[in-house]
Amino acid sequence: MQGWSDVTPSDNFLCATFTLYWVTQTITSSMRDYWDNRWHPVKPTYVQTPTAFAVFAHQTVPGGEPPRSYLERVYNIQRWQVSPRGGHFAPVEQPAAVAQDMTAFLSALRNQM
């Protein structure tokens, strides 16, 4: 987890996270998307739902930030946010920044209605 993050997770966080997956028996389903994307890729269909995309400095994307032009072929991107901090577990690492970004995105959607 440390390699996917810009902070060192505490022992309490790790124990709580692993316990949550163990007790609820959801570790397999949490990893299923990674397996499917790796071994059973499908041609993506366009998602019309307004989408926000956040890029965090320490997430595990080979080669860095995914190309926005590629993602715009698949998603209706309405907000693109690049953050200098955070990683794969951004809501735990940078909760205020994630909450602020989500609030801004949802507020903008509400104003469009």
PDB file of N, CA and C in Angstrom:
ATOM      1  N   MET A   1       0.812  -1.195   0.000  1.00  0.00           N
ATOM      2  CA  MET A   1       0.000   0.000   0.000  1.00  0.00           C
ATOM      3  C   MET A   1       0.857   1.260   0.000  1.00  0.00           C
ATOM      4  N   GLN A   2       2.024   1.179   0.589  1.00  0.00           N
ATOM      5  CA  GLN A   2       2.883   2.356   0.651  1.00  0.00           C
ATOM      6  C   GLN A   2       3.331   2.786  -0.746  1.00  0.00           C
ATOM      7  N   GLY A   3       3.538   1.831  -1.640  1.00  0.00           N
ATOM      8  CA  GLY A   3       3.935   2.155  -2.997  1.00  0.00           C
ATOM      9  C   GLY A   3       2.842   2.832  -3.804  1.00  0.00           C
ATOM     10  N   TRP A   4       1.600   2.727  -3.372  1.00  0.00           N
ATOM     11  CA  TRP A   4       0.468   3.316  -4.079  1.00  0.00           C
ATOM     12  C   TRP A   4       0.019   4.615  -3.433  1.00  0.00           C
ATOM     13  N   SER A   5       0.798   5.132  -2.533  1.00  0.00           N
ATOM     14  CA  SER A   5       0.353   6.250  -1.717  1.00  0.00           C
ATOM     15  C   SER A   5       1.483   7.238  -1.508  1.00  0.00           C
ATOM     16  N   ASP A   6       1.141   8.444  -1.067  1.00  0.00           N
ATOM     17  CA  ASP A   6       2.192   9.388  -0.706  1.00  0.00           C
ATOM     18  C   ASP A   6       2.300   9.548   0.802  1.00  0.00           C
ATOM     19  N   VAL A   7       1.600   8.683   1.535  1.00  0.00           N
ATOM     20  CA  VAL A   7       1.719   8.645   2.992  1.00  0.00           C
ATOM     21  C   VAL A   7       1.916   7.200   3.411  1.00  0.00           C
ATOM     22  N   THR A   8       2.477   7.003   4.576  1.00  0.00           N
ATOM     23  CA  THR A   8       2.630   5.654   5.107  1.00  0.00           C
ATOM     24  C   THR A   8       1.394   5.331   5.935  1.00  0.00           C
ATOM     25  N   PRO A   9       0.629   4.315   5.515  1.00  0.00           N
ATOM     26  CA  PRO A   9      -0.583   3.996   6.267  1.00  0.00           C
ATOM     27  C   PRO A   9      -0.243   3.501   7.675  1.00  0.00           C
ATOM     28  N   SER A  10      -1.065   3.894   8.624  1.00  0.00           N
ATOM     29  CA  SER A  10      -0.835   3.457  10.003  1.00  0.00           C
ATOM     30  C   SER A  10      -1.207   1.986  10.149  1.00  0.00           C
ATOM     31  N   ASP A  11      -0.666   1.364  11.178  1.00  0.00           N
ATOM     32  CA  ASP A  11      -1.014  -0.029  11.458  1.00  0.00           C
ATOM     33  C   ASP A  11      -2.512  -0.166  11.718  1.00  0.00           C
ATOM     34  N   ASN A  12      -3.101   0.803  12.407  1.00  0.00           N
ATOM     35  CA  ASN A  12      -4.545   0.752  12.678  1.00  0.00           C
ATOM     36  C   ASN A  12      -5.348   0.792  11.381  1.00  0.00           C
ATOM     37  N   PHE A  13      -4.946   1.650  10.462  1.00  0.00           N
ATOM     38  CA  PHE A  13      -5.652   1.730   9.180  1.00  0.00           C
ATOM     39  C   PHE A  13      -5.539   0.407   8.422  1.00  0.00           C
ATOM     40  N   LEU A  14      -4.345  -0.148   8.362  1.00  0.00           N
ATOM     41  CA  LEU A  14      -4.158  -1.414   7.652  1.00  0.00           C
ATOM     42  C   LEU A  14      -4.981  -2.534   8.281  1.00  0.00           C
ATOM     43  N   CYS A  15      -4.935  -2.638   9.605  1.00  0.00           N
ATOM     44  CA  CYS A  15      -5.703  -3.684  10.294  1.00  0.00           C
ATOM     45  C   CYS A  15      -7.205  -3.496  10.078  1.00  0.00           C
ATOM     46  N   ALA A  16      -7.681  -2.272  10.160  1.00  0.00           N
ATOM     47  CA  ALA A  16      -9.110  -2.010   9.960  1.00  0.00           C
ATOM     48  C   ALA A  16      -9.527  -2.352   8.527  1.00  0.00           C
ATOM     49  N   THR A  17      -8.691  -1.976   7.556  1.00  0.00           N
ATOM     50  CA  THR A  17      -9.018  -2.248   6.154  1.00  0.00           C
ATOM     51  C   THR A  17      -9.037  -3.749   5.880  1.00  0.00           C
ATOM     52  N   PHE A  18      -8.003  -4.456   6.304  1.00  0.00           N
ATOM     53  CA  PHE A  18      -7.955  -5.891   6.069  1.00  0.00           C
ATOM     54  C   PHE A  18      -9.070  -6.619   6.808  1.00  0.00           C
ATOM     55  N   THR A  19      -9.372  -6.182   8.013  1.00  0.00           N
ATOM     56  CA  THR A  19     -10.455  -6.793   8.777  1.00  0.00           C
ATOM     57  C   THR A  19     -11.800  -6.580   8.079  1.00  0.00           C
ATOM     58  N   LEU A  20     -12.017  -5.381   7.557  1.00  0.00           N
ATOM     59  CA  LEU A  20     -13.257  -5.094   6.841  1.00  0.00           C
ATOM     60  C   LEU A  20     -13.436  -6.054   5.666  1.00  0.00           C
ATOM     61  N   TYR A  21     -12.389  -6.230   4.866  1.00  0.00           N
ATOM     62  CA  TYR A  21     -12.476  -7.163   3.735  1.00  0.00           C
ATOM     63  C   TYR A  21     -12.658  -8.598   4.202  1.00  0.00           C
ATOM     64  N   TRP A  22     -11.993  -8.980   5.276  1.00  0.00           N
ATOM     65  CA  TRP A  22     -12.065 -10.357   5.768  1.00  0.00           C
ATOM     66  C   TRP A  22     -13.455 -10.658   6.331  1.00  0.00           C
ATOM     67  N   VAL A  23     -13.935  -9.800   7.195  1.00  0.00           N
ATOM     68  CA  VAL A  23     -15.221 -10.045   7.857  1.00  0.00           C
ATOM     69  C   VAL A  23     -16.374 -10.026   6.845  1.00  0.00           C
ATOM     70  N   THR A  24     -16.316  -9.132   5.882  1.00  0.00           N
ATOM     71  CA  THR A  24     -17.400  -9.033   4.898  1.00  0.00           C
ATOM     72  C   THR A  24     -17.191  -9.953   3.697  1.00  0.00           C
ATOM     73  N   GLN A  25     -16.060 -10.629   3.659  1.00  0.00           N
ATOM     74  CA  GLN A  25     -15.713 -11.553   2.576  1.00  0.00           C
ATOM     75  C   GLN A  25     -15.817 -10.869   1.200  1.00  0.00           C
ATOM     76  N   THR A  26     -15.235  -9.647   1.100  1.00  0.00           N
ATOM     77  CA  THR A  26     -15.349  -8.880  -0.145  1.00  0.00           C
ATOM     78  C   THR A  26     -14.009  -8.617  -0.838  1.00  0.00           C
ATOM     79  N   ILE A  27     -12.933  -9.243  -0.385  1.00  0.00           N
ATOM     80  CA  ILE A  27     -11.647  -8.993  -1.024  1.00  0.00           C
ATOM     81  C   ILE A  27     -11.656  -9.446  -2.482  1.00  0.00           C
ATOM     82  N   THR A  28     -12.296 -10.576  -2.763  1.00  0.00           N
ATOM     83  CA  THR A  28     -12.335 -11.081  -4.143  1.00  0.00           C
ATOM     84  C   THR A  28     -13.087 -10.122  -5.051  1.00  0.00           C
ATOM     85  N   SER A  29     -14.255  -9.673  -4.621  1.00  0.00           N
ATOM     86  CA  SER A  29     -15.018  -8.760  -5.483  1.00  0.00           C
ATOM     87  C   SER A  29     -14.322  -7.410  -5.629  1.00  0.00           C
ATOM     88  N   SER A  30     -13.547  -6.999  -4.622  1.00  0.00           N
ATOM     89  CA  SER A  30     -12.840  -5.717  -4.728  1.00  0.00           C
ATOM     90  C   SER A  30     -11.724  -5.788  -5.758  1.00  0.00           C
ATOM     91  N   MET A  31     -11.198  -6.964  -6.001  1.00  0.00           N
ATOM     92  CA  MET A  31     -10.103  -7.132  -6.957  1.00  0.00           C
ATOM     93  C   MET A  31     -10.577  -7.602  -8.325  1.00  0.00           C
ATOM     94  N   ARG A  32     -11.837  -7.950  -8.434  1.00  0.00           N
ATOM     95  CA  ARG A  32     -12.354  -8.527  -9.667  1.00  0.00           C
ATOM     96  C   ARG A  32     -12.152  -7.625 -10.874  1.00  0.00           C
ATOM     97  N   ASP A  33     -12.379  -6.332 -10.720  1.00  0.00           N
ATOM     98  CA  ASP A  33     -12.233  -5.400 -11.836  1.00  0.00           C
ATOM     99  C   ASP A  33     -10.810  -5.395 -12.381  1.00  0.00           C
ATOM    100  N   TYR A  34      -9.819  -5.479 -11.490  1.00  0.00           N
ATOM    101  CA  TYR A  34      -8.422  -5.523 -11.934  1.00  0.00           C
ATOM    102  C   TYR A  34      -8.166  -6.787 -12.766  1.00  0.00           C
ATOM    103  N   TRP A  35      -8.678  -7.904 -12.302  1.00  0.00           N
ATOM    104  CA  TRP A  35      -8.515  -9.180 -13.006  1.00  0.00           C
ATOM    105  C   TRP A  35      -9.197  -9.112 -14.375  1.00  0.00           C
ATOM    106  N   ASP A  36     -10.446  -8.674 -14.386  1.00  0.00           N
ATOM    107  CA  ASP A  36     -11.185  -8.619 -15.643  1.00  0.00           C
ATOM    108  C   ASP A  36     -10.519  -7.703 -16.652  1.00  0.00           C
ATOM    109  N   ASN A  37     -10.079  -6.541 -16.214  1.00  0.00           N
ATOM    110  CA  ASN A  37      -9.434  -5.602 -17.138  1.00  0.00           C
ATOM    111  C   ASN A  37      -8.131  -6.153 -17.689  1.00  0.00           C
ATOM    112  N   ARG A  38      -7.449  -6.936 -16.874  1.00  0.00           N
ATOM    113  CA  ARG A  38      -6.155  -7.490 -17.302  1.00  0.00           C
ATOM    114  C   ARG A  38      -6.339  -8.657 -18.264  1.00  0.00           C
ATOM    115  N   TRP A  39      -7.231  -9.589 -17.933  1.00  0.00           N
ATOM    116  CA  TRP A  39      -7.322 -10.834 -18.680  1.00  0.00           C
ATOM    117  C   TRP A  39      -8.522 -10.930 -19.623  1.00  0.00           C
ATOM    118  N   HIS A  40      -9.495 -10.054 -19.452  1.00  0.00           N
ATOM    119  CA  HIS A  40     -10.697 -10.106 -20.293  1.00  0.00           C
ATOM    120  C   HIS A  40     -11.105  -8.703 -20.733  1.00  0.00           C
ATOM    121  N   PRO A  41     -10.206  -7.988 -21.408  1.00  0.00           N
ATOM    122  CA  PRO A  41     -10.563  -6.619 -21.808  1.00  0.00           C
ATOM    123  C   PRO A  41     -11.697  -6.630 -22.828  1.00  0.00           C
ATOM    124  N   VAL A  42     -12.543  -5.627 -22.716  1.00  0.00           N
ATOM    125  CA  VAL A  42     -13.634  -5.466 -23.670  1.00  0.00           C
ATOM    126  C   VAL A  42     -13.548  -4.062 -24.255  1.00  0.00           C
ATOM    127  N   LYS A  43     -14.116  -3.913 -25.423  1.00  0.00           N
ATOM    128  CA  LYS A  43     -14.139  -2.579 -26.025  1.00  0.00           C
ATOM    129  C   LYS A  43     -15.105  -1.720 -25.209  1.00  0.00           C
ATOM    130  N   PRO A  44     -14.616  -0.614 -24.670  1.00  0.00           N
ATOM    131  CA  PRO A  44     -15.490   0.206 -23.823  1.00  0.00           C
ATOM    132  C   PRO A  44     -16.582   0.893 -24.638  1.00  0.00           C
ATOM    133  N   THR A  45     -17.732   1.043 -24.004  1.00  0.00           N
ATOM    134  CA  THR A  45     -18.811   1.809 -24.608  1.00  0.00           C
ATOM    135  C   THR A  45     -18.835   3.189 -23.952  1.00  0.00           C
ATOM    136  N   TYR A  46     -19.361   4.162 -24.661  1.00  0.00           N
ATOM    137  CA  TYR A  46     -19.363   5.529 -24.163  1.00  0.00           C
ATOM    138  C   TYR A  46     -20.336   5.667 -22.992  1.00  0.00           C
ATOM    139  N   VAL A  47     -19.874   6.273 -21.917  1.00  0.00           N
ATOM    140  CA  VAL A  47     -20.684   6.521 -20.732  1.00  0.00           C
ATOM    141  C   VAL A  47     -21.157   7.966 -20.798  1.00  0.00           C
ATOM    142  N   GLN A  48     -22.463   8.172 -20.964  1.00  0.00           N
ATOM    143  CA  GLN A  48     -23.010   9.511 -21.121  1.00  0.00           C
ATOM    144  C   GLN A  48     -23.182  10.256 -19.802  1.00  0.00           C
ATOM    145  N   THR A  49     -23.182   9.557 -18.712  1.00  0.00           N
ATOM    146  CA  THR A  49     -23.343  10.183 -17.401  1.00  0.00           C
ATOM    147  C   THR A  49     -22.215  11.177 -17.167  1.00  0.00           C
ATOM    148  N   PRO A  50     -22.538  12.406 -16.737  1.00  0.00           N
ATOM    149  CA  PRO A  50     -21.471  13.367 -16.441  1.00  0.00           C
ATOM    150  C   PRO A  50     -20.470  12.768 -15.445  1.00  0.00           C
ATOM    151  N   THR A  51     -19.209  12.909 -15.767  1.00  0.00           N
ATOM    152  CA  THR A  51     -18.158  12.235 -15.004  1.00  0.00           C
ATOM    153  C   THR A  51     -17.084  13.219 -14.571  1.00  0.00           C
ATOM    154  N   ALA A  52     -16.622  13.051 -13.351  1.00  0.00           N
ATOM    155  CA  ALA A  52     -15.469  13.801 -12.848  1.00  0.00           C
ATOM    156  C   ALA A  52     -14.305  12.829 -12.768  1.00  0.00           C
ATOM    157  N   PHE A  53     -13.132  13.318 -13.104  1.00  0.00           N
ATOM    158  CA  PHE A  53     -11.943  12.466 -13.062  1.00  0.00           C
ATOM    159  C   PHE A  53     -10.855  13.188 -12.288  1.00  0.00           C
ATOM    160  N   ALA A  54     -10.330  12.532 -11.287  1.00  0.00           N
ATOM    161  CA  ALA A  54      -9.270  13.118 -10.470  1.00  0.00           C
ATOM    162  C   ALA A  54      -7.982  12.331 -10.678  1.00  0.00           C
ATOM    163  N   VAL A  55      -6.914  13.041 -10.925  1.00  0.00           N
ATOM    164  CA  VAL A  55      -5.592  12.443 -11.092  1.00  0.00           C
ATOM    165  C   VAL A  55      -4.775  12.835  -9.871  1.00  0.00           C
ATOM    166  N   PHE A  56      -4.264  11.844  -9.157  1.00  0.00           N
ATOM    167  CA  PHE A  56      -3.471  12.094  -7.960  1.00  0.00           C
ATOM    168  C   PHE A  56      -2.009  11.771  -8.234  1.00  0.00           C
ATOM    169  N   ALA A  57      -1.142  12.578  -7.668  1.00  0.00           N
ATOM    170  CA  ALA A  57       0.289  12.530  -7.964  1.00  0.00           C
ATOM    171  C   ALA A  57       0.923  11.156  -7.747  1.00  0.00           C
ATOM    172  N   HIS A  58       0.454  10.411  -6.790  1.00  0.00           N
ATOM    173  CA  HIS A  58       1.109   9.145  -6.454  1.00  0.00           C
ATOM    174  C   HIS A  58       0.231   7.934  -6.716  1.00  0.00           C
ATOM    175  N   GLN A  59      -0.705   8.037  -7.650  1.00  0.00           N
ATOM    176  CA  GLN A  59      -1.484   6.858  -7.979  1.00  0.00           C
ATOM    177  C   GLN A  59      -0.667   5.977  -8.904  1.00  0.00           C
ATOM    178  N   THR A  60      -1.074   4.747  -9.030  1.00  0.00           N
ATOM    179  CA  THR A  60      -0.277   3.779  -9.780  1.00  0.00           C
ATOM    180  C   THR A  60      -0.774   3.648 -11.210  1.00  0.00           C
ATOM    181  N   VAL A  61      -0.502   4.641 -12.021  1.00  0.00           N
ATOM    182  CA  VAL A  61      -0.825   4.576 -13.437  1.00  0.00           C
ATOM    183  C   VAL A  61       0.499   4.489 -14.180  1.00  0.00           C
ATOM    184  N   PRO A  62       0.733   3.366 -14.887  1.00  0.00           N
ATOM    185  CA  PRO A  62       2.001   3.249 -15.608  1.00  0.00           C
ATOM    186  C   PRO A  62       2.195   4.418 -16.567  1.00  0.00           C
ATOM    187  N   GLY A  63       3.350   5.052 -16.494  1.00  0.00           N
ATOM    188  CA  GLY A  63       3.648   6.172 -17.364  1.00  0.00           C
ATOM    189  C   GLY A  63       3.054   7.486 -16.895  1.00  0.00           C
ATOM    190  N   GLY A  64       2.481   7.499 -15.703  1.00  0.00           N
ATOM    191  CA  GLY A  64       1.934   8.739 -15.168  1.00  0.00           C
ATOM    192  C   GLY A  64       0.454   8.907 -15.445  1.00  0.00           C
ATOM    193  N   GLU A  65       0.071  10.140 -15.633  1.00  0.00           N
ATOM    194  CA  GLU A  65      -1.334  10.513 -15.819  1.00  0.00           C
ATOM    195  C   GLU A  65      -1.918   9.892 -17.083  1.00  0.00           C
ATOM    196  N   PRO A  66      -3.124   9.320 -16.996  1.00  0.00           N
ATOM    197  CA  PRO A  66      -3.740   8.771 -18.206  1.00  0.00           C
ATOM    198  C   PRO A  66      -4.090   9.905 -19.168  1.00  0.00           C
ATOM    199  N   PRO A  67      -4.009   9.663 -20.459  1.00  0.00           N
ATOM    200  CA  PRO A  67      -4.316  10.734 -21.416  1.00  0.00           C
ATOM    201  C   PRO A  67      -5.798  11.119 -21.364  1.00  0.00           C
ATOM    202  N   ARG A  68      -6.046  12.398 -21.145  1.00  0.00           N
ATOM    203  CA  ARG A  68      -7.419  12.875 -21.088  1.00  0.00           C
ATOM    204  C   ARG A  68      -8.149  12.597 -22.398  1.00  0.00           C
ATOM    205  N   SER A  69      -7.449  12.734 -23.515  1.00  0.00           N
ATOM    206  CA  SER A  69      -8.079  12.515 -24.822  1.00  0.00           C
ATOM    207  C   SER A  69      -8.626  11.093 -24.953  1.00  0.00           C
ATOM    208  N   TYR A  70      -7.927  10.123 -24.386  1.00  0.00           N
ATOM    209  CA  TYR A  70      -8.419   8.735 -24.425  1.00  0.00           C
ATOM    210  C   TYR A  70      -9.670   8.593 -23.561  1.00  0.00           C
ATOM    211  N   LEU A  71      -9.608   9.114 -22.357  1.00  0.00           N
ATOM    212  CA  LEU A  71     -10.743   8.972 -21.448  1.00  0.00           C
ATOM    213  C   LEU A  71     -11.976   9.705 -21.953  1.00  0.00           C
ATOM    214  N   GLU A  72     -11.788  10.813 -22.664  1.00  0.00           N
ATOM    215  CA  GLU A  72     -12.921  11.552 -23.213  1.00  0.00           C
ATOM    216  C   GLU A  72     -13.626  10.778 -24.329  1.00  0.00           C
ATOM    217  N   ARG A  73     -12.954   9.793 -24.905  1.00  0.00           N
ATOM    218  CA  ARG A  73     -13.613   8.933 -25.890  1.00  0.00           C
ATOM    219  C   ARG A  73     -14.561   7.945 -25.229  1.00  0.00           C
ATOM    220  N   VAL A  74     -14.362   7.728 -23.921  1.00  0.00           N
ATOM    221  CA  VAL A  74     -15.152   6.733 -23.206  1.00  0.00           C
ATOM    222  C   VAL A  74     -16.126   7.374 -22.215  1.00  0.00           C
ATOM    223  N   TYR A  75     -15.755   8.512 -21.642  1.00  0.00           N
ATOM    224  CA  TYR A  75     -16.567   9.155 -20.604  1.00  0.00           C
ATOM    225  C   TYR A  75     -16.929  10.585 -20.978  1.00  0.00           C
ATOM    226  N   ASN A  76     -18.071  11.021 -20.492  1.00  0.00           N
ATOM    227  CA  ASN A  76     -18.522  12.405 -20.636  1.00  0.00           C
ATOM    228  C   ASN A  76     -17.880  13.225 -19.511  1.00  0.00           C
ATOM    229  N   ILE A  77     -16.622  13.561 -19.672  1.00  0.00           N
ATOM    230  CA  ILE A  77     -15.867  14.221 -18.606  1.00  0.00           C
ATOM    231  C   ILE A  77     -16.291  15.679 -18.493  1.00  0.00           C
ATOM    232  N   GLN A  78     -16.807  16.028 -17.331  1.00  0.00           N
ATOM    233  CA  GLN A  78     -17.242  17.383 -17.037  1.00  0.00           C
ATOM    234  C   GLN A  78     -16.274  18.097 -16.105  1.00  0.00           C
ATOM    235  N   ARG A  79     -15.456  17.335 -15.422  1.00  0.00           N
ATOM    236  CA  ARG A  79     -14.468  17.928 -14.501  1.00  0.00           C
ATOM    237  C   ARG A  79     -13.214  17.065 -14.519  1.00  0.00           C
ATOM    238  N   TRP A  80     -12.073  17.715 -14.640  1.00  0.00           N
ATOM    239  CA  TRP A  80     -10.763  17.045 -14.642  1.00  0.00           C
ATOM    240  C   TRP A  80      -9.913  17.758 -13.612  1.00  0.00           C
ATOM    241  N   GLN A  81      -9.549  17.076 -12.563  1.00  0.00           N
ATOM    242  CA  GLN A  81      -8.810  17.696 -11.466  1.00  0.00           C
ATOM    243  C   GLN A  81      -7.479  16.973 -11.281  1.00  0.00           C
ATOM    244  N   VAL A  82      -6.388  17.712 -11.300  1.00  0.00           N
ATOM    245  CA  VAL A  82      -5.065  17.151 -11.041  1.00  0.00           C
ATOM    246  C   VAL A  82      -4.635  17.635  -9.662  1.00  0.00           C
ATOM    247  N   SER A  83      -4.283  16.691  -8.805  1.00  0.00           N
ATOM    248  CA  SER A  83      -3.907  17.022  -7.435  1.00  0.00           C
ATOM    249  C   SER A  83      -2.433  16.698  -7.204  1.00  0.00           C
ATOM    250  N   PRO A  84      -1.702  17.592  -6.559  1.00  0.00           N
ATOM    251  CA  PRO A  84      -0.278  17.357  -6.324  1.00  0.00           C
ATOM    252  C   PRO A  84      -0.010  16.335  -5.219  1.00  0.00           C
ATOM    253  N   ARG A  85      -1.049  15.961  -4.486  1.00  0.00           N
ATOM    254  CA  ARG A  85      -0.889  14.996  -3.388  1.00  0.00           C
ATOM    255  C   ARG A  85      -1.934  13.909  -3.513  1.00  0.00           C
ATOM    256  N   GLY A  86      -1.685  12.814  -2.840  1.00  0.00           N
ATOM    257  CA  GLY A  86      -2.634  11.706  -2.843  1.00  0.00           C
ATOM    258  C   GLY A  86      -2.204  10.609  -3.789  1.00  0.00           C
ATOM    259  N   GLY A  87      -2.827   9.467  -3.617  1.00  0.00           N
ATOM    260  CA  GLY A  87      -2.507   8.308  -4.430  1.00  0.00           C
ATOM    261  C   GLY A  87      -3.740   7.463  -4.654  1.00  0.00           C
ATOM    262  N   HIS A  88      -3.553   6.164  -4.737  1.00  0.00           N
ATOM    263  CA  HIS A  88      -4.640   5.228  -5.007  1.00  0.00           C
ATOM    264  C   HIS A  88      -5.718   5.289  -3.924  1.00  0.00           C
ATOM    265  N   PHE A  89      -5.348   5.620  -2.727  1.00  0.00           N
ATOM    266  CA  PHE A  89      -6.282   5.678  -1.598  1.00  0.00           C
ATOM    267  C   PHE A  89      -6.562   7.132  -1.216  1.00  0.00           C
ATOM    268  N   ALA A  90      -6.755   7.979  -2.209  1.00  0.00           N
ATOM    269  CA  ALA A  90      -6.894   9.424  -1.996  1.00  0.00           C
ATOM    270  C   ALA A  90      -7.948   9.815  -0.961  1.00  0.00           C
ATOM    271  N   PRO A  91      -9.115   9.179  -0.898  1.00  0.00           N
ATOM    272  CA  PRO A  91     -10.083   9.597   0.118  1.00  0.00           C
ATOM    273  C   PRO A  91      -9.567   9.425   1.552  1.00  0.00           C
ATOM    274  N   VAL A  92      -8.656   8.500   1.755  1.00  0.00           N
ATOM    275  CA  VAL A  92      -8.064   8.310   3.080  1.00  0.00           C
ATOM    276  C   VAL A  92      -6.872   9.244   3.261  1.00  0.00           C
ATOM    277  N   GLU A  93      -6.096   9.441   2.191  1.00  0.00           N
ATOM    278  CA  GLU A  93      -4.884  10.251   2.265  1.00  0.00           C
ATOM    279  C   GLU A  93      -5.177  11.751   2.291  1.00  0.00           C
ATOM    280  N   GLN A  94      -6.122  12.183   1.479  1.00  0.00           N
ATOM    281  CA  GLN A  94      -6.441  13.605   1.314  1.00  0.00           C
ATOM    282  C   GLN A  94      -7.964  13.808   1.370  1.00  0.00           C
ATOM    283  N   PRO A  95      -8.592  13.483   2.494  1.00  0.00           N
ATOM    284  CA  PRO A  95     -10.063  13.521   2.544  1.00  0.00           C
ATOM    285  C   PRO A  95     -10.662  14.896   2.270  1.00  0.00           C
ATOM    286  N   ALA A  96     -10.043  15.958   2.763  1.00  0.00           N
ATOM    287  CA  ALA A  96     -10.593  17.301   2.539  1.00  0.00           C
ATOM    288  C   ALA A  96     -10.541  17.674   1.066  1.00  0.00           C
ATOM    289  N   ALA A  97      -9.449  17.363   0.397  1.00  0.00           N
ATOM    290  CA  ALA A  97      -9.313  17.690  -1.025  1.00  0.00           C
ATOM    291  C   ALA A  97     -10.311  16.898  -1.867  1.00  0.00           C
ATOM    292  N   VAL A  98     -10.495  15.626  -1.553  1.00  0.00           N
ATOM    293  CA  VAL A  98     -11.448  14.800  -2.297  1.00  0.00           C
ATOM    294  C   VAL A  98     -12.872  15.311  -2.072  1.00  0.00           C
ATOM    295  N   ALA A  99     -13.201  15.613  -0.820  1.00  0.00           N
ATOM    296  CA  ALA A  99     -14.542  16.128  -0.514  1.00  0.00           C
ATOM    297  C   ALA A  99     -14.790  17.459  -1.221  1.00  0.00           C
ATOM    298  N   GLN A 100     -13.798  18.325  -1.227  1.00  0.00           N
ATOM    299  CA  GLN A 100     -13.936  19.628  -1.890  1.00  0.00           C
ATOM    300  C   GLN A 100     -14.144  19.436  -3.397  1.00  0.00           C
ATOM    301  N   ASP A 101     -13.405  18.528  -4.003  1.00  0.00           N
ATOM    302  CA  ASP A 101     -13.534  18.271  -5.428  1.00  0.00           C
ATOM    303  C   ASP A 101     -14.914  17.700  -5.757  1.00  0.00           C
ATOM    304  N   MET A 102     -15.371  16.751  -4.953  1.00  0.00           N
ATOM    305  CA  MET A 102     -16.689  16.162  -5.185  1.00  0.00           C
ATOM    306  C   MET A 102     -17.795  17.205  -5.024  1.00  0.00           C
ATOM    307  N   THR A 103     -17.661  18.050  -4.016  1.00  0.00           N
ATOM    308  CA  THR A 103     -18.652  19.106  -3.787  1.00  0.00           C
ATOM    309  C   THR A 103     -18.705  20.065  -4.970  1.00  0.00           C
ATOM    310  N   ALA A 104     -17.543  20.464  -5.477  1.00  0.00           N
ATOM    311  CA  ALA A 104     -17.497  21.373  -6.626  1.00  0.00           C
ATOM    312  C   ALA A 104     -18.143  20.738  -7.854  1.00  0.00           C
ATOM    313  N   PHE A 105     -17.854  19.472  -8.102  1.00  0.00           N
ATOM    314  CA  PHE A 105     -18.427  18.768  -9.254  1.00  0.00           C
ATOM    315  C   PHE A 105     -19.944  18.668  -9.131  1.00  0.00           C
ATOM    316  N   LEU A 106     -20.421  18.227  -7.977  1.00  0.00           N
ATOM    317  CA  LEU A 106     -21.866  18.061  -7.801  1.00  0.00           C
ATOM    318  C   LEU A 106     -22.598  19.393  -7.805  1.00  0.00           C
ATOM    319  N   SER A 107     -21.980  20.431  -7.266  1.00  0.00           N
ATOM    320  CA  SER A 107     -22.586  21.770  -7.302  1.00  0.00           C
ATOM    321  C   SER A 107     -22.721  22.264  -8.739  1.00  0.00           C
ATOM    322  N   ALA A 108     -21.702  22.036  -9.530  1.00  0.00           N
ATOM    323  CA  ALA A 108     -21.746  22.453 -10.943  1.00  0.00           C
ATOM    324  C   ALA A 108     -22.846  21.691 -11.681  1.00  0.00           C
ATOM    325  N   LEU A 109     -23.000  20.394 -11.397  1.00  0.00           N
ATOM    326  CA  LEU A 109     -24.074  19.634 -12.021  1.00  0.00           C
ATOM    327  C   LEU A 109     -25.445  20.156 -11.615  1.00  0.00           C
ATOM    328  N   ARG A 110     -25.597  20.446 -10.343  1.00  0.00           N
ATOM    329  CA  ARG A 110     -26.879  20.974  -9.846  1.00  0.00           C
ATOM    330  C   ARG A 110     -27.206  22.304 -10.515  1.00  0.00           C
ATOM    331  N   ASN A 111     -26.207  23.154 -10.720  1.00  0.00           N
ATOM    332  CA  ASN A 111     -26.419  24.453 -11.352  1.00  0.00           C
ATOM    333  C   ASN A 111     -26.802  24.324 -12.835  1.00  0.00           C
ATOM    334  N   GLN A 112     -26.445  23.206 -13.459  1.00  0.00           N
ATOM    335  CA  GLN A 112     -26.801  22.988 -14.858  1.00  0.00           C
ATOM    336  C   GLN A 112     -28.258  22.565 -15.027  1.00  0.00           C
ATOM    337  N   MET A 113     -28.860  22.106 -13.950  1.00  0.00           N
ATOM    338  CA  MET A 113     -30.245  21.608 -14.026  1.00  0.00           C
ATOM    339  C   MET A 113     -31.254  22.725 -13.988  1.00  0.00           C
TER     340      MET A 113
END
